[in-house]
């Protein structure tokens, strides 16, 4: 897809969202169904069902997806798609491009081994491997715009209000 095709694709959508801002509020939803046999759950995705379970460091056997890895996958995927859209809009040819999301978490926190250890990822690094003839300044602007418009990057940078509720069935 080239820049003109991308603009043509997005222009009518942008017009709708300008005229009716409420139509720009897009719901995101995931549902985990807990398995009864082991410590795992099933997540339905666009690509099929994913079974998520304990990381080997927390007692899993490594055969099930780790939620922390899934978060890194979501970040890499969102940044990758956004990078391609930005590169297309900026008319930057990418001979090869890869986005790598890597994070660190301390298993002692989630296993309650050390109450002073945080639970969750404490650092995340996003790396871009780019092969392009574009100059460094233009590539740096592309990365800046990618991070500005990447939904998952911005969600992690500016965490939303988070609430939970219990519904008995």
Foldseek 3Di string as FASTA:
>chain_A
DAQVVLCVVCVVVVVVCVVPVVVVDDDDDWDWAADPPAAWTWIQDPVGIFIAGDDVVQPDPHPGHHVLVVLQVLQQVLLVVLLVNLCRNVVWDFPDKGKGKDFDADVCCVNVVDVVGHGDTDDIDIDMDTDTPDDPVVVVVSSVSSLVPRPSNVCVVPPDDDDDDDDDD
